[in-house]
Amino acid sequence: MPVDPRDFRELVGNLLENACKWARNRIHFSAVRQNGHFSLLIQDDGPGGSQSDCQIFSAGAFVSIV
């Protein structure tokens, strides 16, 4: 799916800002590009959210709260 670089930077910035806000001590960030796919993982050791906090942005793109 084509992504506007400015929108992507804003999305990642918002996710990292949220992780920094809620993390107790640790934030883990990884990005992998493999076989034409891109995966981004941002984890923190904060309290987390509920599954109802998950919002679908567009078809095929989603945020997973684990």
PDB file of N, CA and C in Angstrom:
ATOM      1  N   MET A   1       0.844  -1.150   0.000  1.00  0.00           N
ATOM      2  CA  MET A   1       0.000   0.000   0.000  1.00  0.00           C
ATOM      3  C   MET A   1       0.907   1.236   0.000  1.00  0.00           C
ATOM      4  N   PRO A   2       0.725   2.151  -0.917  1.00  0.00           N
ATOM      5  CA  PRO A   2       1.537   3.374  -0.946  1.00  0.00           C
ATOM      6  C   PRO A   2       1.286   4.222   0.311  1.00  0.00           C
ATOM      7  N   VAL A   3       2.343   4.779   0.842  1.00  0.00           N
ATOM      8  CA  VAL A   3       2.240   5.584   2.062  1.00  0.00           C
ATOM      9  C   VAL A   3       2.964   6.902   1.844  1.00  0.00           C
ATOM     10  N   ASP A   4       2.310   7.988   2.193  1.00  0.00           N
ATOM     11  CA  ASP A   4       2.937   9.303   2.131  1.00  0.00           C
ATOM     12  C   ASP A   4       3.994   9.385   3.227  1.00  0.00           C
ATOM     13  N   PRO A   5       5.235   9.734   2.895  1.00  0.00           N
ATOM     14  CA  PRO A   5       6.301   9.776   3.908  1.00  0.00           C
ATOM     15  C   PRO A   5       5.984  10.686   5.096  1.00  0.00           C
ATOM     16  N   ARG A   6       5.332  11.805   4.861  1.00  0.00           N
ATOM     17  CA  ARG A   6       4.990  12.712   5.974  1.00  0.00           C
ATOM     18  C   ARG A   6       3.970  12.076   6.901  1.00  0.00           C
ATOM     19  N   ASP A   7       2.971  11.412   6.307  1.00  0.00           N
ATOM     20  CA  ASP A   7       1.966  10.736   7.131  1.00  0.00           C
ATOM     21  C   ASP A   7       2.589   9.605   7.941  1.00  0.00           C
ATOM     22  N   PHE A   8       3.517   8.879   7.313  1.00  0.00           N
ATOM     23  CA  PHE A   8       4.179   7.779   8.012  1.00  0.00           C
ATOM     24  C   PHE A   8       5.006   8.301   9.177  1.00  0.00           C
ATOM     25  N   ARG A   9       5.762   9.383   8.956  1.00  0.00           N
ATOM     26  CA  ARG A   9       6.556   9.968  10.050  1.00  0.00           C
ATOM     27  C   ARG A   9       5.647  10.427  11.188  1.00  0.00           C
ATOM     28  N   GLU A  10       4.497  11.011  10.840  1.00  0.00           N
ATOM     29  CA  GLU A  10       3.571  11.466  11.870  1.00  0.00           C
ATOM     30  C   GLU A  10       3.005  10.279  12.651  1.00  0.00           C
ATOM     31  N   LEU A  11       2.641   9.221  11.948  1.00  0.00           N
ATOM     32  CA  LEU A  11       2.120   8.023  12.602  1.00  0.00           C
ATOM     33  C   LEU A  11       3.148   7.423  13.559  1.00  0.00           C
ATOM     34  N   VAL A  12       4.372   7.222  13.076  1.00  0.00           N
ATOM     35  CA  VAL A  12       5.423   6.646  13.917  1.00  0.00           C
ATOM     36  C   VAL A  12       5.727   7.581  15.083  1.00  0.00           C
ATOM     37  N   GLY A  13       5.774   8.872  14.820  1.00  0.00           N
ATOM     38  CA  GLY A  13       6.015   9.841  15.892  1.00  0.00           C
ATOM     39  C   GLY A  13       4.951   9.775  16.969  1.00  0.00           C
ATOM     40  N   ASN A  14       3.687   9.655  16.559  1.00  0.00           N
ATOM     41  CA  ASN A  14       2.599   9.551  17.535  1.00  0.00           C
ATOM     42  C   ASN A  14       2.703   8.275  18.359  1.00  0.00           C
ATOM     43  N   LEU A  15       3.036   7.163  17.698  1.00  0.00           N
ATOM     44  CA  LEU A  15       3.181   5.896  18.418  1.00  0.00           C
ATOM     45  C   LEU A  15       4.339   5.943  19.409  1.00  0.00           C
ATOM     46  N   LEU A  16       5.468   6.518  18.982  1.00  0.00           N
ATOM     47  CA  LEU A  16       6.621   6.629  19.889  1.00  0.00           C
ATOM     48  C   LEU A  16       6.336   7.593  21.037  1.00  0.00           C
ATOM     49  N   GLU A  17       5.650   8.688  20.738  1.00  0.00           N
ATOM     50  CA  GLU A  17       5.289   9.638  21.793  1.00  0.00           C
ATOM     51  C   GLU A  17       4.394   8.965  22.835  1.00  0.00           C
ATOM     52  N   ASN A  18       3.444   8.165  22.371  1.00  0.00           N
ATOM     53  CA  ASN A  18       2.569   7.439  23.277  1.00  0.00           C
ATOM     54  C   ASN A  18       3.360   6.437  24.114  1.00  0.00           C
ATOM     55  N   ALA A  19       4.283   5.719  23.478  1.00  0.00           N
ATOM     56  CA  ALA A  19       5.121   4.762  24.210  1.00  0.00           C
ATOM     57  C   ALA A  19       5.945   5.476  25.271  1.00  0.00           C
ATOM     58  N   CYS A  20       6.510   6.624  24.930  1.00  0.00           N
ATOM     59  CA  CYS A  20       7.314   7.388  25.904  1.00  0.00           C
ATOM     60  C   CYS A  20       6.445   7.876  27.060  1.00  0.00           C
ATOM     61  N   LYS A  21       5.227   8.248  26.750  1.00  0.00           N
ATOM     62  CA  LYS A  21       4.321   8.759  27.782  1.00  0.00           C
ATOM     63  C   LYS A  21       3.948   7.671  28.787  1.00  0.00           C
ATOM     64  N   TRP A  22       3.711   6.444  28.299  1.00  0.00           N
ATOM     65  CA  TRP A  22       3.176   5.401  29.156  1.00  0.00           C
ATOM     66  C   TRP A  22       4.182   4.361  29.633  1.00  0.00           C
ATOM     67  N   ALA A  23       5.362   4.331  29.049  1.00  0.00           N
ATOM     68  CA  ALA A  23       6.357   3.321  29.448  1.00  0.00           C
ATOM     69  C   ALA A  23       6.792   3.541  30.890  1.00  0.00           C
ATOM     70  N   ARG A  24       6.971   2.445  31.587  1.00  0.00           N
ATOM     71  CA  ARG A  24       7.518   2.541  32.942  1.00  0.00           C
ATOM     72  C   ARG A  24       9.034   2.704  32.869  1.00  0.00           C
ATOM     73  N   ASN A  25       9.691   1.782  32.127  1.00  0.00           N
ATOM     74  CA  ASN A  25      11.151   1.814  32.034  1.00  0.00           C
ATOM     75  C   ASN A  25      11.691   1.504  30.644  1.00  0.00           C
ATOM     76  N   ARG A  26      10.900   0.835  29.811  1.00  0.00           N
ATOM     77  CA  ARG A  26      11.468   0.274  28.588  1.00  0.00           C
ATOM     78  C   ARG A  26      10.554   0.480  27.386  1.00  0.00           C
ATOM     79  N   ILE A  27      11.186   0.810  26.248  1.00  0.00           N
ATOM     80  CA  ILE A  27      10.508   0.873  24.951  1.00  0.00           C
ATOM     81  C   ILE A  27      11.339   0.059  23.972  1.00  0.00           C
ATOM     82  N   HIS A  28      10.674  -0.797  23.214  1.00  0.00           N
ATOM     83  CA  HIS A  28      11.341  -1.605  22.183  1.00  0.00           C
ATOM     84  C   HIS A  28      10.772  -1.184  20.834  1.00  0.00           C
ATOM     85  N   PHE A  29      11.664  -0.876  19.901  1.00  0.00           N
ATOM     86  CA  PHE A  29      11.271  -0.447  18.557  1.00  0.00           C
ATOM     87  C   PHE A  29      12.011  -1.313  17.552  1.00  0.00           C
ATOM     88  N   SER A  30      11.289  -1.895  16.611  1.00  0.00           N
ATOM     89  CA  SER A  30      11.957  -2.627  15.537  1.00  0.00           C
ATOM     90  C   SER A  30      11.189  -2.423  14.242  1.00  0.00           C
ATOM     91  N   ALA A  31      11.922  -2.444  13.154  1.00  0.00           N
ATOM     92  CA  ALA A  31      11.346  -2.316  11.817  1.00  0.00           C
ATOM     93  C   ALA A  31      12.039  -3.327  10.916  1.00  0.00           C
ATOM     94  N   VAL A  32      11.241  -4.066  10.145  1.00  0.00           N
ATOM     95  CA  VAL A  32      11.776  -5.105   9.278  1.00  0.00           C
ATOM     96  C   VAL A  32      11.111  -5.000   7.915  1.00  0.00           C
ATOM     97  N   ARG A  33      11.932  -5.041   6.875  1.00  0.00           N
ATOM     98  CA  ARG A  33      11.414  -5.115   5.510  1.00  0.00           C
ATOM     99  C   ARG A  33      11.885  -6.439   4.931  1.00  0.00           C
ATOM    100  N   GLN A  34      10.908  -7.265   4.526  1.00  0.00           N
ATOM    101  CA  GLN A  34      11.250  -8.598   4.035  1.00  0.00           C
ATOM    102  C   GLN A  34      10.189  -9.050   3.033  1.00  0.00           C
ATOM    103  N   ASN A  35      10.660  -9.539   1.898  1.00  0.00           N
ATOM    104  CA  ASN A  35       9.762 -10.061   0.861  1.00  0.00           C
ATOM    105  C   ASN A  35       8.669  -9.073   0.463  1.00  0.00           C
ATOM    106  N   GLY A  36       9.020  -7.807   0.358  1.00  0.00           N
ATOM    107  CA  GLY A  36       8.064  -6.792  -0.059  1.00  0.00           C
ATOM    108  C   GLY A  36       7.101  -6.323   1.011  1.00  0.00           C
ATOM    109  N   HIS A  37       7.284  -6.791   2.242  1.00  0.00           N
ATOM    110  CA  HIS A  37       6.427  -6.377   3.349  1.00  0.00           C
ATOM    111  C   HIS A  37       7.253  -5.619   4.380  1.00  0.00           C
ATOM    112  N   PHE A  38       6.590  -4.725   5.075  1.00  0.00           N
ATOM    113  CA  PHE A  38       7.234  -3.912   6.099  1.00  0.00           C
ATOM    114  C   PHE A  38       6.487  -4.110   7.409  1.00  0.00           C
ATOM    115  N   SER A  39       7.209  -4.439   8.449  1.00  0.00           N
ATOM    116  CA  SER A  39       6.616  -4.604   9.776  1.00  0.00           C
ATOM    117  C   SER A  39       7.269  -3.632  10.738  1.00  0.00           C
ATOM    118  N   LEU A  40       6.447  -2.981  11.528  1.00  0.00           N
ATOM    119  CA  LEU A  40       6.910  -2.032  12.530  1.00  0.00           C
ATOM    120  C   LEU A  40       6.345  -2.482  13.869  1.00  0.00           C
ATOM    121  N   LEU A  41       7.211  -2.591  14.866  1.00  0.00           N
ATOM    122  CA  LEU A  41       6.795  -3.011  16.201  1.00  0.00           C
ATOM    123  C   LEU A  41       7.290  -1.986  17.207  1.00  0.00           C
ATOM    124  N   ILE A  42       6.362  -1.452  17.984  1.00  0.00           N
ATOM    125  CA  ILE A  42       6.705  -0.542  19.077  1.00  0.00           C
ATOM    126  C   ILE A  42       6.036  -1.099  20.325  1.00  0.00           C
ATOM    127  N   GLN A  43       6.848  -1.450  21.307  1.00  0.00           N
ATOM    128  CA  GLN A  43       6.340  -2.001  22.564  1.00  0.00           C
ATOM    129  C   GLN A  43       6.886  -1.186  23.728  1.00  0.00           C
ATOM    130  N   ASP A  44       6.079  -1.074  24.769  1.00  0.00           N
ATOM    131  CA  ASP A  44       6.575  -0.475  26.004  1.00  0.00           C
ATOM    132  C   ASP A  44       6.064  -1.316  27.165  1.00  0.00           C
ATOM    133  N   ASP A  45       6.593  -1.052  28.334  1.00  0.00           N
ATOM    134  CA  ASP A  45       6.199  -1.821  29.514  1.00  0.00           C
ATOM    135  C   ASP A  45       5.162  -1.079  30.351  1.00  0.00           C
ATOM    136  N   GLY A  46       4.356  -0.264  29.689  1.00  0.00           N
ATOM    137  CA  GLY A  46       3.301   0.481  30.367  1.00  0.00           C
ATOM    138  C   GLY A  46       2.061  -0.360  30.608  1.00  0.00           C
ATOM    139  N   PRO A  47       0.986   0.262  31.096  1.00  0.00           N
ATOM    140  CA  PRO A  47      -0.211  -0.476  31.495  1.00  0.00           C
ATOM    141  C   PRO A  47      -1.001  -1.072  30.332  1.00  0.00           C
ATOM    142  N   GLY A  48      -0.785  -0.614  29.103  1.00  0.00           N
ATOM    143  CA  GLY A  48      -1.505  -1.173  27.961  1.00  0.00           C
ATOM    144  C   GLY A  48      -2.907  -0.610  27.826  1.00  0.00           C
ATOM    145  N   GLY A  49      -3.608  -1.096  26.818  1.00  0.00           N
ATOM    146  CA  GLY A  49      -4.966  -0.653  26.552  1.00  0.00           C
ATOM    147  C   GLY A  49      -5.848  -1.850  26.306  1.00  0.00           C
ATOM    148  N   SER A  50      -7.124  -1.590  26.129  1.00  0.00           N
ATOM    149  CA  SER A  50      -8.070  -2.672  25.873  1.00  0.00           C
ATOM    150  C   SER A  50      -8.211  -2.900  24.371  1.00  0.00           C
ATOM    151  N   GLN A  51      -8.744  -4.039  24.002  1.00  0.00           N
ATOM    152  CA  GLN A  51      -8.951  -4.335  22.584  1.00  0.00           C
ATOM    153  C   GLN A  51      -9.892  -3.313  21.966  1.00  0.00           C
ATOM    154  N   SER A  52     -10.825  -2.754  22.742  1.00  0.00           N
ATOM    155  CA  SER A  52     -11.744  -1.748  22.214  1.00  0.00           C
ATOM    156  C   SER A  52     -11.025  -0.451  21.856  1.00  0.00           C
ATOM    157  N   ASP A  53      -9.778  -0.269  22.345  1.00  0.00           N
ATOM    158  CA  ASP A  53      -8.989   0.908  21.993  1.00  0.00           C
ATOM    159  C   ASP A  53      -8.412   0.806  20.591  1.00  0.00           C
ATOM    160  N   CYS A  54      -8.444  -0.382  20.005  1.00  0.00           N
ATOM    161  CA  CYS A  54      -7.890  -0.618  18.672  1.00  0.00           C
ATOM    162  C   CYS A  54      -8.808   0.013  17.625  1.00  0.00           C
ATOM    163  N   GLN A  55      -8.232   0.785  16.720  1.00  0.00           N
ATOM    164  CA  GLN A  55      -8.995   1.431  15.656  1.00  0.00           C
ATOM    165  C   GLN A  55      -8.443   1.013  14.307  1.00  0.00           C
ATOM    166  N   ILE A  56      -9.332   0.709  13.391  1.00  0.00           N
ATOM    167  CA  ILE A  56      -8.915   0.382  12.030  1.00  0.00           C
ATOM    168  C   ILE A  56      -8.766   1.686  11.260  1.00  0.00           C
ATOM    169  N   PHE A  57      -7.603   1.881  10.615  1.00  0.00           N
ATOM    170  CA  PHE A  57      -7.327   3.099   9.869  1.00  0.00           C
ATOM    171  C   PHE A  57      -7.832   3.006   8.433  1.00  0.00           C
ATOM    172  N   SER A  58      -7.640   1.890   7.770  1.00  0.00           N
ATOM    173  CA  SER A  58      -8.133   1.661   6.422  1.00  0.00           C
ATOM    174  C   SER A  58      -8.087   0.165   6.153  1.00  0.00           C
ATOM    175  N   ALA A  59      -8.717  -0.243   5.069  1.00  0.00           N
ATOM    176  CA  ALA A  59      -8.771  -1.672   4.755  1.00  0.00           C
ATOM    177  C   ALA A  59      -7.358  -2.252   4.669  1.00  0.00           C
ATOM    178  N   GLY A  60      -7.118  -3.294   5.422  1.00  0.00           N
ATOM    179  CA  GLY A  60      -5.818  -3.967   5.391  1.00  0.00           C
ATOM    180  C   GLY A  60      -4.780  -3.370   6.304  1.00  0.00           C
ATOM    181  N   ALA A  61      -5.057  -2.262   6.947  1.00  0.00           N
ATOM    182  CA  ALA A  61      -4.102  -1.622   7.862  1.00  0.00           C
ATOM    183  C   ALA A  61      -4.768  -1.508   9.229  1.00  0.00           C
ATOM    184  N   PHE A  62      -4.085  -2.005  10.258  1.00  0.00           N
ATOM    185  CA  PHE A  62      -4.676  -1.952  11.587  1.00  0.00           C
ATOM    186  C   PHE A  62      -3.595  -1.832  12.648  1.00  0.00           C
ATOM    187  N   VAL A  63      -4.027  -1.462  13.831  1.00  0.00           N
ATOM    188  CA  VAL A  63      -3.148  -1.399  14.984  1.00  0.00           C
ATOM    189  C   VAL A  63      -3.540  -2.550  15.888  1.00  0.00           C
ATOM    190  N   SER A  64      -2.588  -3.303  16.330  1.00  0.00           N
ATOM    191  CA  SER A  64      -2.852  -4.430  17.218  1.00  0.00           C
ATOM    192  C   SER A  64      -2.343  -4.103  18.601  1.00  0.00           C
ATOM    193  N   ILE A  65      -3.193  -4.229  19.573  1.00  0.00           N
ATOM    194  CA  ILE A  65      -2.800  -4.012  20.968  1.00  0.00           C
ATOM    195  C   ILE A  65      -2.660  -5.379  21.612  1.00  0.00           C
ATOM    196  N   VAL A  66      -1.479  -5.689  22.083  1.00  0.00           N
ATOM    197  CA  VAL A  66      -1.214  -6.999  22.679  1.00  0.00           C
ATOM    198  C   VAL A  66      -1.024  -6.840  24.161  1.00  0.00           C
TER     199      VAL A  66
END
